[in-house]
Amino acid sequence: MYEHKTQRLAPKHVYYKRVARNAIYAASILLICLVIGIIGYHYTCDVTWIDSLHNASMILSGMGPVIEIKTTSGKWFSSMYALFSGVAFITNIGVLIAPIAHRFFHKLHLEDK
């Protein structure tokens, strides 16, 4: 049968570097999603930039909308952005947890040997 060569667990400084890199990736994804929401709310709902920021932040964090949307295009955008934000949130959790889960399962695998 095929024998798999096991690698040692990465040193803590390498692990922390991976966690930090993934945190930067997650923050970047979040920032891009926030900018999409800000621009979308500003131009489709005819609201100020600060109201767009506030509403996009609340939707992206899962708290819900804070402004009343009166335009049809704004309602379409808000619906699509809410669905998009849910997927972005789940993706970000995966990006953040990936190096932690990888190390955990690698450690378990080493203990089995």
C-alpha atoms as a PDB file:
ATOM      1  CA  MET A   1       0.000   0.000   0.000  1.00  0.00           C
ATOM      2  CA  TYR A   2       1.065   3.581  -0.515  1.00  0.00           C
ATOM      3  CA  GLU A   3       2.956   5.002   2.457  1.00  0.00           C
ATOM      4  CA  HIS A   4       2.462   8.712   2.974  1.00  0.00           C
ATOM      5  CA  LYS A   5       5.392  10.675   4.292  1.00  0.00           C
ATOM      6  CA  THR A   6       4.214  12.853   7.167  1.00  0.00           C
ATOM      7  CA  GLN A   7       5.549  16.342   7.522  1.00  0.00           C
ATOM      8  CA  ARG A   8       6.356  17.914  10.843  1.00  0.00           C
ATOM      9  CA  LEU A   9       4.108  20.568  12.276  1.00  0.00           C
ATOM     10  CA  ALA A  10       5.111  24.042  11.083  1.00  0.00           C
ATOM     11  CA  PRO A  11       6.856  26.219  13.674  1.00  0.00           C
ATOM     12  CA  LYS A  12       4.656  28.686  15.567  1.00  0.00           C
ATOM     13  CA  HIS A  13       6.089  31.730  13.770  1.00  0.00           C
ATOM     14  CA  VAL A  14       5.128  30.188  10.396  1.00  0.00           C
ATOM     15  CA  TYR A  15       1.667  29.363  11.735  1.00  0.00           C
ATOM     16  CA  TYR A  16       1.167  32.906  13.048  1.00  0.00           C
ATOM     17  CA  LYS A  17       2.316  34.307   9.708  1.00  0.00           C
ATOM     18  CA  ARG A  18      -0.299  32.162   7.939  1.00  0.00           C
ATOM     19  CA  VAL A  19      -3.030  33.299  10.322  1.00  0.00           C
ATOM     20  CA  ALA A  20      -2.030  36.954   9.819  1.00  0.00           C
ATOM     21  CA  ARG A  21      -1.934  36.543   6.032  1.00  0.00           C
ATOM     22  CA  ASN A  22      -5.422  35.020   6.015  1.00  0.00           C
ATOM     23  CA  ALA A  23      -6.697  37.799   8.311  1.00  0.00           C
ATOM     24  CA  ILE A  24      -5.386  40.342   5.785  1.00  0.00           C
ATOM     25  CA  TYR A  25      -7.102  38.434   2.954  1.00  0.00           C
ATOM     26  CA  ALA A  26     -10.374  38.378   4.912  1.00  0.00           C
ATOM     27  CA  ALA A  27     -10.134  42.095   5.704  1.00  0.00           C
ATOM     28  CA  SER A  28      -9.450  42.821   2.028  1.00  0.00           C
ATOM     29  CA  ILE A  29     -12.476  40.794   0.941  1.00  0.00           C
ATOM     30  CA  LEU A  30     -14.589  42.626   3.513  1.00  0.00           C
ATOM     31  CA  LEU A  31     -13.347  46.030   2.361  1.00  0.00           C
ATOM     32  CA  ILE A  32     -14.075  45.236  -1.297  1.00  0.00           C
ATOM     33  CA  CYS A  33     -17.569  44.044  -0.382  1.00  0.00           C
ATOM     34  CA  LEU A  34     -18.145  47.182   1.672  1.00  0.00           C
ATOM     35  CA  VAL A  35     -17.062  49.445  -1.197  1.00  0.00           C
ATOM     36  CA  ILE A  36     -19.447  47.603  -3.546  1.00  0.00           C
ATOM     37  CA  GLY A  37     -22.268  48.222  -1.079  1.00  0.00           C
ATOM     38  CA  ILE A  38     -21.412  51.876  -0.514  1.00  0.00           C
ATOM     39  CA  ILE A  39     -21.301  52.653  -4.222  1.00  0.00           C
ATOM     40  CA  GLY A  40     -24.408  50.584  -4.936  1.00  0.00           C
ATOM     41  CA  TYR A  41     -26.536  52.188  -2.231  1.00  0.00           C
ATOM     42  CA  HIS A  42     -25.347  55.676  -3.117  1.00  0.00           C
ATOM     43  CA  TYR A  43     -26.235  55.406  -6.792  1.00  0.00           C
ATOM     44  CA  THR A  44     -29.321  53.156  -6.689  1.00  0.00           C
ATOM     45  CA  CYS A  45     -31.031  54.518  -3.568  1.00  0.00           C
ATOM     46  CA  ASP A  46     -30.159  58.214  -3.950  1.00  0.00           C
ATOM     47  CA  VAL A  47     -28.748  58.487  -0.402  1.00  0.00           C
ATOM     48  CA  THR A  48     -25.695  60.294   0.944  1.00  0.00           C
ATOM     49  CA  TRP A  49     -22.285  58.620   1.117  1.00  0.00           C
ATOM     50  CA  ILE A  50     -22.429  58.326   4.902  1.00  0.00           C
ATOM     51  CA  ASP A  51     -25.892  56.745   4.785  1.00  0.00           C
ATOM     52  CA  SER A  52     -24.600  54.371   2.105  1.00  0.00           C
ATOM     53  CA  LEU A  53     -21.665  53.415   4.327  1.00  0.00           C
ATOM     54  CA  HIS A  54     -23.956  52.908   7.309  1.00  0.00           C
ATOM     55  CA  ASN A  55     -26.446  50.752   5.420  1.00  0.00           C
ATOM     56  CA  ALA A  56     -23.779  48.682   3.623  1.00  0.00           C
ATOM     57  CA  SER A  57     -21.983  48.083   6.920  1.00  0.00           C
ATOM     58  CA  MET A  58     -25.171  46.947   8.621  1.00  0.00           C
ATOM     59  CA  ILE A  59     -26.161  44.621   5.769  1.00  0.00           C
ATOM     60  CA  LEU A  60     -22.638  43.185   5.473  1.00  0.00           C
ATOM     61  CA  SER A  61     -22.497  42.466   9.201  1.00  0.00           C
ATOM     62  CA  GLY A  62     -25.883  40.759   9.141  1.00  0.00           C
ATOM     63  CA  MET A  63     -27.663  43.382  11.244  1.00  0.00           C
ATOM     64  CA  GLY A  64     -30.108  44.426   8.541  1.00  0.00           C
ATOM     65  CA  PRO A  65     -30.969  47.615   6.677  1.00  0.00           C
ATOM     66  CA  VAL A  66     -31.261  50.964   8.454  1.00  0.00           C
ATOM     67  CA  ILE A  67     -32.606  53.202   5.678  1.00  0.00           C
ATOM     68  CA  GLU A  68     -35.923  53.038   3.898  1.00  0.00           C
ATOM     69  CA  ILE A  69     -35.329  52.220   0.263  1.00  0.00           C
ATOM     70  CA  LYS A  70     -37.789  53.975  -2.009  1.00  0.00           C
ATOM     71  CA  THR A  71     -36.466  53.366  -5.533  1.00  0.00           C
ATOM     72  CA  THR A  72     -37.068  50.189  -7.487  1.00  0.00           C
ATOM     73  CA  SER A  73     -33.419  49.998  -8.511  1.00  0.00           C
ATOM     74  CA  GLY A  74     -32.451  50.422  -4.864  1.00  0.00           C
ATOM     75  CA  LYS A  75     -34.683  47.548  -3.837  1.00  0.00           C
ATOM     76  CA  TRP A  76     -33.161  45.329  -6.515  1.00  0.00           C
ATOM     77  CA  PHE A  77     -29.657  46.279  -5.444  1.00  0.00           C
ATOM     78  CA  SER A  78     -30.464  45.833  -1.760  1.00  0.00           C
ATOM     79  CA  SER A  79     -31.859  42.353  -2.375  1.00  0.00           C
ATOM     80  CA  MET A  80     -28.831  41.252  -4.404  1.00  0.00           C
ATOM     81  CA  TYR A  81     -26.393  42.852  -1.971  1.00  0.00           C
ATOM     82  CA  ALA A  82     -27.997  41.094   0.991  1.00  0.00           C
ATOM     83  CA  LEU A  83     -27.617  37.699  -0.722  1.00  0.00           C
ATOM     84  CA  PHE A  84     -24.073  38.565  -1.780  1.00  0.00           C
ATOM     85  CA  SER A  85     -23.213  39.678   1.764  1.00  0.00           C
ATOM     86  CA  GLY A  86     -24.331  36.360   3.215  1.00  0.00           C
ATOM     87  CA  VAL A  87     -22.017  34.471   0.883  1.00  0.00           C
ATOM     88  CA  ALA A  88     -19.181  36.941   1.545  1.00  0.00           C
ATOM     89  CA  PHE A  89     -19.596  36.479   5.301  1.00  0.00           C
ATOM     90  CA  ILE A  90     -19.426  32.684   5.065  1.00  0.00           C
ATOM     91  CA  THR A  91     -16.422  32.919   2.741  1.00  0.00           C
ATOM     92  CA  ASN A  92     -14.615  35.201   5.173  1.00  0.00           C
ATOM     93  CA  ILE A  93     -15.195  32.818   8.054  1.00  0.00           C
ATOM     94  CA  GLY A  94     -13.662  30.045   5.935  1.00  0.00           C
ATOM     95  CA  VAL A  95     -10.648  32.181   5.049  1.00  0.00           C
ATOM     96  CA  LEU A  96     -10.089  33.060   8.716  1.00  0.00           C
ATOM     97  CA  ILE A  97     -10.508  29.522  10.033  1.00  0.00           C
ATOM     98  CA  ALA A  98      -8.543  27.706   7.297  1.00  0.00           C
ATOM     99  CA  PRO A  99      -5.039  27.902   8.823  1.00  0.00           C
ATOM    100  CA  ILE A 100      -6.374  27.102  12.301  1.00  0.00           C
ATOM    101  CA  ALA A 101      -8.302  24.057  11.083  1.00  0.00           C
ATOM    102  CA  HIS A 102      -5.348  22.931   8.968  1.00  0.00           C
ATOM    103  CA  ARG A 103      -2.994  23.003  11.950  1.00  0.00           C
ATOM    104  CA  PHE A 104      -5.544  21.256  14.178  1.00  0.00           C
ATOM    105  CA  PHE A 105      -6.063  18.381  11.740  1.00  0.00           C
ATOM    106  CA  HIS A 106      -2.354  18.139  10.978  1.00  0.00           C
ATOM    107  CA  LYS A 107      -1.678  17.844  14.716  1.00  0.00           C
ATOM    108  CA  LEU A 108      -4.312  15.100  15.050  1.00  0.00           C
ATOM    109  CA  HIS A 109      -2.777  13.258  12.115  1.00  0.00           C
ATOM    110  CA  LEU A 110       0.670  13.394  13.717  1.00  0.00           C
ATOM    111  CA  GLU A 111      -0.709  12.018  16.980  1.00  0.00           C
ATOM    112  CA  ASP A 112      -2.144   9.018  15.096  1.00  0.00           C
ATOM    113  CA  LYS A 113       1.294   8.008  13.814  1.00  0.00           C
END
